[in-house]
Amino acid sequence: MRKFIISLICVFVVSTTYTKAYSKKLEGTTVYSTVNENVSAQNDDVVIYRLFPTQNTWTFIKLNTRNGQMWQVQYDVKGDNRMETYLNFVPLVAKEKELNGRFTLYSTQNIYTFILLDQLDGKMWQVQWSMEAKNRLIIPIQ
């Protein structure tokens, strides 16, 4: 019984130490989780543009974190199917209210849909990307 209690204490100490070390490693780092992968960046306050992966291997969404403008970005490794096109070309805040890291994207269960969040005032938009221009949109969530 004594060996069991000592073993239990050792497991507790090791797991607590590991958790503290891992938390310290992530300090100062913002981690964005998506369906495809984890993307982390140091010093969010200096980042203006950020790429967010979609569930489509070839497509990313580029976000201006200052004003909410977004582009659909497609790359290709074998052909010429590379492109960058607007999802919204109008800034969502006035120039004097722009701030690095103000906006971020969250993936949803729908491959084509993201939620854009203004992290300062809480406003949200549904963002839809598509290969067809008529299906690309951004709609306020009220």
C-alpha atoms as a PDB file:
ATOM      1  CA  MET A   1       0.000   0.000   0.000  1.00  0.00           C
ATOM      2  CA  ARG A   2       2.859   2.352   0.845  1.00  0.00           C
ATOM      3  CA  LYS A   3       4.476   1.735  -2.582  1.00  0.00           C
ATOM      4  CA  PHE A   4       1.152   2.505  -4.259  1.00  0.00           C
ATOM      5  CA  ILE A   5       0.827   5.867  -2.457  1.00  0.00           C
ATOM      6  CA  ILE A   6       4.443   6.814  -3.267  1.00  0.00           C
ATOM      7  CA  SER A   7       3.891   5.875  -6.934  1.00  0.00           C
ATOM      8  CA  LEU A   8       0.714   7.949  -7.033  1.00  0.00           C
ATOM      9  CA  ILE A   9       2.526  10.976  -5.577  1.00  0.00           C
ATOM     10  CA  CYS A  10       5.341  10.589  -8.140  1.00  0.00           C
ATOM     11  CA  VAL A  11       2.855  10.494 -11.023  1.00  0.00           C
ATOM     12  CA  PHE A  12       1.139  13.617  -9.658  1.00  0.00           C
ATOM     13  CA  VAL A  13       4.433  15.526  -9.305  1.00  0.00           C
ATOM     14  CA  VAL A  14       5.630  14.588 -12.814  1.00  0.00           C
ATOM     15  CA  SER A  15       2.315  15.498 -14.478  1.00  0.00           C
ATOM     16  CA  THR A  16       2.125  18.830 -12.589  1.00  0.00           C
ATOM     17  CA  THR A  17       5.701  19.699 -13.586  1.00  0.00           C
ATOM     18  CA  TYR A  18       5.028  18.840 -17.244  1.00  0.00           C
ATOM     19  CA  THR A  19       1.835  20.922 -17.283  1.00  0.00           C
ATOM     20  CA  LYS A  20       3.614  23.958 -15.802  1.00  0.00           C
ATOM     21  CA  ALA A  21       6.515  23.633 -18.266  1.00  0.00           C
ATOM     22  CA  TYR A  22       4.117  23.345 -21.226  1.00  0.00           C
ATOM     23  CA  SER A  23       2.090  26.359 -20.023  1.00  0.00           C
ATOM     24  CA  LYS A  24       5.276  28.414 -19.660  1.00  0.00           C
ATOM     25  CA  LYS A  25       6.323  27.428 -23.206  1.00  0.00           C
ATOM     26  CA  LEU A  26       3.004  28.740 -24.592  1.00  0.00           C
ATOM     27  CA  GLU A  27       3.149  31.998 -22.619  1.00  0.00           C
ATOM     28  CA  GLY A  28       3.102  34.938 -25.024  1.00  0.00           C
ATOM     29  CA  THR A  29       1.949  32.716 -27.897  1.00  0.00           C
ATOM     30  CA  THR A  30      -1.565  32.726 -29.319  1.00  0.00           C
ATOM     31  CA  VAL A  31      -2.618  29.363 -30.678  1.00  0.00           C
ATOM     32  CA  TYR A  32      -5.322  29.161 -33.344  1.00  0.00           C
ATOM     33  CA  SER A  33      -6.845  25.750 -33.802  1.00  0.00           C
ATOM     34  CA  THR A  34      -8.435  24.704 -37.076  1.00  0.00           C
ATOM     35  CA  VAL A  35      -9.695  21.440 -38.455  1.00  0.00           C
ATOM     36  CA  ASN A  36      -6.511  20.944 -40.521  1.00  0.00           C
ATOM     37  CA  GLU A  37      -3.732  22.031 -38.191  1.00  0.00           C
ATOM     38  CA  ASN A  38      -2.652  24.266 -35.351  1.00  0.00           C
ATOM     39  CA  VAL A  39      -1.157  27.600 -36.334  1.00  0.00           C
ATOM     40  CA  SER A  40       0.674  29.668 -33.749  1.00  0.00           C
ATOM     41  CA  ALA A  41       2.230  33.097 -33.976  1.00  0.00           C
ATOM     42  CA  GLN A  42       4.370  35.134 -31.626  1.00  0.00           C
ATOM     43  CA  ASN A  43       3.533  38.761 -30.827  1.00  0.00           C
ATOM     44  CA  ASP A  44      -0.017  39.042 -32.143  1.00  0.00           C
ATOM     45  CA  ASP A  45       0.129  42.816 -31.716  1.00  0.00           C
ATOM     46  CA  VAL A  46       2.559  43.204 -34.653  1.00  0.00           C
ATOM     47  CA  VAL A  47       0.854  40.824 -37.091  1.00  0.00           C
ATOM     48  CA  ILE A  48      -1.227  42.548 -39.765  1.00  0.00           C
ATOM     49  CA  TYR A  49      -1.913  39.633 -42.124  1.00  0.00           C
ATOM     50  CA  ARG A  50      -2.599  36.030 -41.205  1.00  0.00           C
ATOM     51  CA  LEU A  51      -3.384  32.937 -43.297  1.00  0.00           C
ATOM     52  CA  PHE A  52      -6.105  30.554 -42.112  1.00  0.00           C
ATOM     53  CA  PRO A  53      -6.281  27.070 -43.654  1.00  0.00           C
ATOM     54  CA  THR A  54      -9.593  25.739 -44.914  1.00  0.00           C
ATOM     55  CA  GLN A  55     -10.511  22.073 -45.097  1.00  0.00           C
ATOM     56  CA  ASN A  56      -9.639  22.283 -48.800  1.00  0.00           C
ATOM     57  CA  THR A  57      -5.963  21.376 -49.243  1.00  0.00           C
ATOM     58  CA  TRP A  58      -5.377  24.123 -51.822  1.00  0.00           C
ATOM     59  CA  THR A  59      -7.285  27.034 -50.248  1.00  0.00           C
ATOM     60  CA  PHE A  60      -6.479  29.515 -47.475  1.00  0.00           C
ATOM     61  CA  ILE A  61      -8.175  32.679 -46.278  1.00  0.00           C
ATOM     62  CA  LYS A  62      -5.889  35.692 -45.879  1.00  0.00           C
ATOM     63  CA  LEU A  63      -7.112  38.089 -43.189  1.00  0.00           C
ATOM     64  CA  ASN A  64      -6.086  41.666 -42.517  1.00  0.00           C
ATOM     65  CA  THR A  65      -6.276  41.502 -38.718  1.00  0.00           C
ATOM     66  CA  ARG A  66      -6.442  45.328 -38.497  1.00  0.00           C
ATOM     67  CA  ASN A  67      -9.616  45.969 -40.486  1.00  0.00           C
ATOM     68  CA  GLY A  68     -11.286  42.627 -41.352  1.00  0.00           C
ATOM     69  CA  GLN A  69     -10.589  42.585 -45.090  1.00  0.00           C
ATOM     70  CA  MET A  70     -10.252  39.031 -46.441  1.00  0.00           C
ATOM     71  CA  TRP A  71      -9.045  37.257 -49.562  1.00  0.00           C
ATOM     72  CA  GLN A  72      -9.430  33.701 -50.762  1.00  0.00           C
ATOM     73  CA  VAL A  73      -5.998  32.321 -51.681  1.00  0.00           C
ATOM     74  CA  GLN A  74      -5.511  29.221 -53.794  1.00  0.00           C
ATOM     75  CA  TYR A  75      -2.179  27.591 -54.582  1.00  0.00           C
ATOM     76  CA  ASP A  76      -1.194  24.838 -56.981  1.00  0.00           C
ATOM     77  CA  VAL A  77       1.893  22.639 -57.111  1.00  0.00           C
ATOM     78  CA  LYS A  78       1.535  21.242 -60.644  1.00  0.00           C
ATOM     79  CA  GLY A  79      -0.355  23.763 -62.746  1.00  0.00           C
ATOM     80  CA  ASP A  80      -1.361  27.401 -62.981  1.00  0.00           C
ATOM     81  CA  ASN A  81      -4.414  27.357 -60.701  1.00  0.00           C
ATOM     82  CA  ARG A  82      -3.051  29.985 -58.328  1.00  0.00           C
ATOM     83  CA  MET A  83      -5.227  32.948 -57.398  1.00  0.00           C
ATOM     84  CA  GLU A  84      -6.045  35.555 -54.803  1.00  0.00           C
ATOM     85  CA  THR A  85      -9.507  37.106 -54.825  1.00  0.00           C
ATOM     86  CA  TYR A  86     -11.432  39.346 -52.432  1.00  0.00           C
ATOM     87  CA  LEU A  87     -13.992  37.948 -50.036  1.00  0.00           C
ATOM     88  CA  ASN A  88     -14.667  41.483 -48.819  1.00  0.00           C
ATOM     89  CA  PHE A  89     -12.839  44.525 -50.113  1.00  0.00           C
ATOM     90  CA  VAL A  90     -14.430  47.065 -47.752  1.00  0.00           C
ATOM     91  CA  PRO A  91     -12.768  47.478 -44.326  1.00  0.00           C
ATOM     92  CA  LEU A  92     -15.120  46.630 -41.452  1.00  0.00           C
ATOM     93  CA  VAL A  93     -13.872  49.458 -39.197  1.00  0.00           C
ATOM     94  CA  ALA A  94     -12.868  53.067 -39.775  1.00  0.00           C
ATOM     95  CA  LYS A  95      -9.158  53.742 -40.409  1.00  0.00           C
ATOM     96  CA  GLU A  96      -8.707  55.397 -36.987  1.00  0.00           C
ATOM     97  CA  LYS A  97     -10.111  52.277 -35.236  1.00  0.00           C
ATOM     98  CA  GLU A  98      -7.793  49.780 -36.958  1.00  0.00           C
ATOM     99  CA  LEU A  99      -5.588  47.760 -34.617  1.00  0.00           C
ATOM    100  CA  ASN A 100      -3.285  44.806 -35.303  1.00  0.00           C
ATOM    101  CA  GLY A 101      -4.881  41.555 -34.143  1.00  0.00           C
ATOM    102  CA  ARG A 102      -8.371  43.090 -33.871  1.00  0.00           C
ATOM    103  CA  PHE A 103      -9.986  40.466 -36.153  1.00  0.00           C
ATOM    104  CA  THR A 104      -9.651  36.690 -36.205  1.00  0.00           C
ATOM    105  CA  LEU A 105     -11.320  33.774 -38.000  1.00  0.00           C
ATOM    106  CA  TYR A 106     -12.832  30.608 -36.571  1.00  0.00           C
ATOM    107  CA  SER A 107     -13.516  27.530 -38.681  1.00  0.00           C
ATOM    108  CA  THR A 108     -16.876  25.773 -38.542  1.00  0.00           C
ATOM    109  CA  GLN A 109     -18.002  22.240 -39.371  1.00  0.00           C
ATOM    110  CA  ASN A 110     -18.960  23.503 -42.843  1.00  0.00           C
ATOM    111  CA  ILE A 111     -15.922  23.326 -45.168  1.00  0.00           C
ATOM    112  CA  TYR A 112     -16.843  26.651 -46.836  1.00  0.00           C
ATOM    113  CA  THR A 113     -17.875  28.685 -43.778  1.00  0.00           C
ATOM    114  CA  PHE A 114     -15.899  30.615 -41.166  1.00  0.00           C
ATOM    115  CA  ILE A 115     -16.915  33.032 -38.430  1.00  0.00           C
ATOM    116  CA  LEU A 116     -15.067  36.375 -38.387  1.00  0.00           C
ATOM    117  CA  LEU A 117     -14.857  37.940 -34.931  1.00  0.00           C
ATOM    118  CA  ASP A 118     -14.044  41.534 -34.028  1.00  0.00           C
ATOM    119  CA  GLN A 119     -12.232  40.822 -30.764  1.00  0.00           C
ATOM    120  CA  LEU A 120     -12.714  44.398 -29.501  1.00  0.00           C
ATOM    121  CA  ASP A 121     -16.458  44.913 -29.855  1.00  0.00           C
ATOM    122  CA  GLY A 122     -17.685  41.322 -30.305  1.00  0.00           C
ATOM    123  CA  LYS A 123     -19.320  41.802 -33.714  1.00  0.00           C
ATOM    124  CA  MET A 124     -19.370  38.687 -35.905  1.00  0.00           C
ATOM    125  CA  TRP A 125     -19.766  37.861 -39.596  1.00  0.00           C
ATOM    126  CA  GLN A 126     -20.434  34.633 -41.462  1.00  0.00           C
ATOM    127  CA  VAL A 127     -17.746  34.248 -44.119  1.00  0.00           C
ATOM    128  CA  GLN A 128     -18.336  31.972 -47.090  1.00  0.00           C
ATOM    129  CA  TRP A 129     -15.557  31.121 -49.561  1.00  0.00           C
ATOM    130  CA  SER A 130     -16.131  29.322 -52.837  1.00  0.00           C
ATOM    131  CA  MET A 131     -14.535  28.567 -56.170  1.00  0.00           C
ATOM    132  CA  GLU A 132     -17.519  30.333 -57.755  1.00  0.00           C
ATOM    133  CA  ALA A 133     -17.619  34.116 -57.265  1.00  0.00           C
ATOM    134  CA  LYS A 134     -21.419  34.193 -56.870  1.00  0.00           C
ATOM    135  CA  ASN A 135     -21.148  31.966 -53.755  1.00  0.00           C
ATOM    136  CA  ARG A 136     -18.561  34.098 -51.912  1.00  0.00           C
ATOM    137  CA  LEU A 137     -20.050  36.285 -49.202  1.00  0.00           C
ATOM    138  CA  ILE A 138     -19.728  37.921 -45.828  1.00  0.00           C
ATOM    139  CA  ILE A 139     -22.909  38.510 -43.775  1.00  0.00           C
ATOM    140  CA  PRO A 140     -23.203  40.174 -40.339  1.00  0.00           C
ATOM    141  CA  ILE A 141     -24.403  37.883 -37.549  1.00  0.00           C
ATOM    142  CA  GLN A 142     -26.810  39.885 -35.402  1.00  0.00           C
END
